[in-house]
């Protein structure tokens, strides 16, 4: 009888966890269905052109700033990019100092 009670006490947390996970999954499925039901294809795609124009303007501004600071070539060179694809900005600061005549 004690073994049965002990087994029940061991299983109850697992049952509670599974129940909790199922509730989360059901809520996620419900939210997903709500997202896809609303709107026609045209309504969903309506904002894409505005977003593209916004992104283009951001890129132009960024390129303009880099060109003004003399970063244009160094930001695209492979010397400033490590194996993970991260840009080494310290080299760019050195270039900025040289440009300003601080070094």
C-alpha atoms as a PDB file:
ATOM      1  CA  UNK A   1       0.000   0.000   0.000  1.00  0.00           C
ATOM      2  CA  UNK A   2       2.887   2.338   0.817  1.00  0.00           C
ATOM      3  CA  UNK A   3       4.529   1.490  -2.514  1.00  0.00           C
ATOM      4  CA  UNK A   4       1.331   2.441  -4.324  1.00  0.00           C
ATOM      5  CA  UNK A   5       1.130   5.761  -2.467  1.00  0.00           C
ATOM      6  CA  UNK A   6       4.794   6.447  -3.128  1.00  0.00           C
ATOM      7  CA  UNK A   7       4.394   5.649  -6.845  1.00  0.00           C
ATOM      8  CA  UNK A   8       1.408   8.008  -6.999  1.00  0.00           C
ATOM      9  CA  UNK A   9       3.449  10.789  -5.360  1.00  0.00           C
ATOM     10  CA  UNK A  10       6.239  10.251  -7.906  1.00  0.00           C
ATOM     11  CA  UNK A  11       3.864  10.294 -10.866  1.00  0.00           C
ATOM     12  CA  UNK A  12       1.829  13.331  -9.835  1.00  0.00           C
ATOM     13  CA  UNK A  13       4.521  15.953 -10.685  1.00  0.00           C
ATOM     14  CA  UNK A  14       5.011  14.342 -14.098  1.00  0.00           C
ATOM     15  CA  UNK A  15       1.269  14.381 -14.705  1.00  0.00           C
ATOM     16  CA  UNK A  16       1.095  18.031 -13.648  1.00  0.00           C
ATOM     17  CA  UNK A  17       3.960  18.905 -16.002  1.00  0.00           C
ATOM     18  CA  UNK A  18       2.316  17.136 -18.946  1.00  0.00           C
ATOM     19  CA  UNK A  19      -0.983  18.876 -18.212  1.00  0.00           C
ATOM     20  CA  UNK A  20       0.772  22.242 -18.072  1.00  0.00           C
ATOM     21  CA  UNK A  21       2.573  21.602 -21.369  1.00  0.00           C
ATOM     22  CA  UNK A  22      -0.679  20.567 -23.063  1.00  0.00           C
ATOM     23  CA  UNK A  23      -2.345  23.775 -21.874  1.00  0.00           C
ATOM     24  CA  UNK A  24       0.497  25.838 -23.319  1.00  0.00           C
ATOM     25  CA  UNK A  25       0.294  23.992 -26.637  1.00  0.00           C
ATOM     26  CA  UNK A  26      -3.462  24.476 -26.850  1.00  0.00           C
ATOM     27  CA  UNK A  27      -3.124  28.205 -26.160  1.00  0.00           C
ATOM     28  CA  UNK A  28      -0.389  28.517 -28.806  1.00  0.00           C
ATOM     29  CA  UNK A  29      -2.517  26.678 -31.369  1.00  0.00           C
ATOM     30  CA  UNK A  30      -5.464  28.941 -30.568  1.00  0.00           C
ATOM     31  CA  UNK A  31      -3.344  32.087 -31.029  1.00  0.00           C
ATOM     32  CA  UNK A  32      -1.898  30.743 -34.276  1.00  0.00           C
ATOM     33  CA  UNK A  33      -5.357  30.081 -35.697  1.00  0.00           C
ATOM     34  CA  UNK A  34      -6.477  33.580 -34.718  1.00  0.00           C
ATOM     35  CA  UNK A  35      -3.546  35.100 -36.583  1.00  0.00           C
ATOM     36  CA  UNK A  36      -4.185  33.247 -39.808  1.00  0.00           C
ATOM     37  CA  UNK A  37      -7.944  33.681 -39.893  1.00  0.00           C
ATOM     38  CA  UNK A  38      -8.003  37.467 -39.927  1.00  0.00           C
ATOM     39  CA  UNK A  39      -7.688  39.275 -43.227  1.00  0.00           C
ATOM     40  CA  UNK A  40      -7.512  38.498 -46.875  1.00  0.00           C
ATOM     41  CA  UNK A  41      -4.276  37.999 -48.758  1.00  0.00           C
ATOM     42  CA  UNK A  42      -4.393  41.585 -50.020  1.00  0.00           C
ATOM     43  CA  UNK A  43      -4.827  42.894 -46.462  1.00  0.00           C
ATOM     44  CA  UNK A  44      -1.878  40.843 -45.248  1.00  0.00           C
ATOM     45  CA  UNK A  45       0.394  42.075 -48.045  1.00  0.00           C
ATOM     46  CA  UNK A  46      -0.709  45.710 -47.944  1.00  0.00           C
ATOM     47  CA  UNK A  47       2.053  46.974 -45.650  1.00  0.00           C
ATOM     48  CA  UNK A  48       4.930  45.194 -47.361  1.00  0.00           C
ATOM     49  CA  UNK A  49       5.741  47.994 -49.822  1.00  0.00           C
ATOM     50  CA  UNK A  50       5.763  50.605 -47.057  1.00  0.00           C
ATOM     51  CA  UNK A  51       8.082  48.424 -44.994  1.00  0.00           C
ATOM     52  CA  UNK A  52      10.418  47.890 -47.963  1.00  0.00           C
ATOM     53  CA  UNK A  53      10.606  51.651 -48.558  1.00  0.00           C
ATOM     54  CA  UNK A  54      11.324  52.218 -44.869  1.00  0.00           C
ATOM     55  CA  UNK A  55      14.134  49.629 -44.912  1.00  0.00           C
ATOM     56  CA  UNK A  56      15.638  51.125 -48.077  1.00  0.00           C
ATOM     57  CA  UNK A  57      15.691  54.570 -46.471  1.00  0.00           C
ATOM     58  CA  UNK A  58      17.401  53.175 -43.370  1.00  0.00           C
ATOM     59  CA  UNK A  59      20.058  51.500 -45.509  1.00  0.00           C
ATOM     60  CA  UNK A  60      20.637  54.719 -47.466  1.00  0.00           C
ATOM     61  CA  UNK A  61      21.040  56.697 -44.258  1.00  0.00           C
ATOM     62  CA  UNK A  62      23.473  54.150 -42.854  1.00  0.00           C
ATOM     63  CA  UNK A  63      25.504  54.069 -46.062  1.00  0.00           C
ATOM     64  CA  UNK A  64      25.551  57.863 -46.141  1.00  0.00           C
ATOM     65  CA  UNK A  65      26.897  58.041 -42.590  1.00  0.00           C
ATOM     66  CA  UNK A  66      29.555  55.446 -43.366  1.00  0.00           C
ATOM     67  CA  UNK A  67      30.587  57.306 -46.508  1.00  0.00           C
ATOM     68  CA  UNK A  68      30.872  60.586 -44.593  1.00  0.00           C
ATOM     69  CA  UNK A  69      33.079  58.946 -41.968  1.00  0.00           C
ATOM     70  CA  UNK A  70      35.195  57.107 -44.515  1.00  0.00           C
ATOM     71  CA  UNK A  71      33.978  53.658 -43.465  1.00  0.00           C
ATOM     72  CA  UNK A  72      32.618  52.680 -46.859  1.00  0.00           C
ATOM     73  CA  UNK A  73      35.492  50.453 -47.932  1.00  0.00           C
ATOM     74  CA  UNK A  74      36.506  49.203 -44.503  1.00  0.00           C
ATOM     75  CA  UNK A  75      33.026  48.072 -43.534  1.00  0.00           C
ATOM     76  CA  UNK A  76      32.872  45.858 -46.604  1.00  0.00           C
ATOM     77  CA  UNK A  77      36.399  44.495 -46.432  1.00  0.00           C
ATOM     78  CA  UNK A  78      36.959  40.975 -45.250  1.00  0.00           C
ATOM     79  CA  UNK A  79      39.738  42.150 -42.901  1.00  0.00           C
ATOM     80  CA  UNK A  80      37.169  43.522 -40.451  1.00  0.00           C
ATOM     81  CA  UNK A  81      35.004  40.390 -40.368  1.00  0.00           C
ATOM     82  CA  UNK A  82      35.908  37.423 -38.180  1.00  0.00           C
ATOM     83  CA  UNK A  83      35.072  33.779 -38.866  1.00  0.00           C
ATOM     84  CA  UNK A  84      31.665  34.159 -37.176  1.00  0.00           C
ATOM     85  CA  UNK A  85      30.744  37.056 -39.459  1.00  0.00           C
ATOM     86  CA  UNK A  86      31.086  39.719 -36.744  1.00  0.00           C
ATOM     87  CA  UNK A  87      32.494  43.089 -37.747  1.00  0.00           C
ATOM     88  CA  UNK A  88      35.600  44.372 -35.970  1.00  0.00           C
ATOM     89  CA  UNK A  89      34.635  47.952 -35.184  1.00  0.00           C
ATOM     90  CA  UNK A  90      37.903  48.776 -33.402  1.00  0.00           C
ATOM     91  CA  UNK A  91      39.681  49.006 -36.728  1.00  0.00           C
ATOM     92  CA  UNK A  92      36.985  51.432 -37.860  1.00  0.00           C
ATOM     93  CA  UNK A  93      37.622  53.627 -34.810  1.00  0.00           C
ATOM     94  CA  UNK A  94      41.288  53.760 -35.762  1.00  0.00           C
ATOM     95  CA  UNK A  95      40.290  54.890 -39.243  1.00  0.00           C
ATOM     96  CA  UNK A  96      38.037  57.556 -37.765  1.00  0.00           C
ATOM     97  CA  UNK A  97      40.888  58.854 -35.601  1.00  0.00           C
ATOM     98  CA  UNK A  98      43.187  58.977 -38.625  1.00  0.00           C
ATOM     99  CA  UNK A  99      40.509  60.789 -40.597  1.00  0.00           C
ATOM    100  CA  UNK A 100      40.189  63.365 -37.843  1.00  0.00           C
ATOM    101  CA  UNK A 101      43.959  63.654 -37.482  1.00  0.00           C
ATOM    102  CA  UNK A 102      44.008  62.535 -33.850  1.00  0.00           C
ATOM    103  CA  UNK A 103      46.760  59.954 -34.278  1.00  0.00           C
END
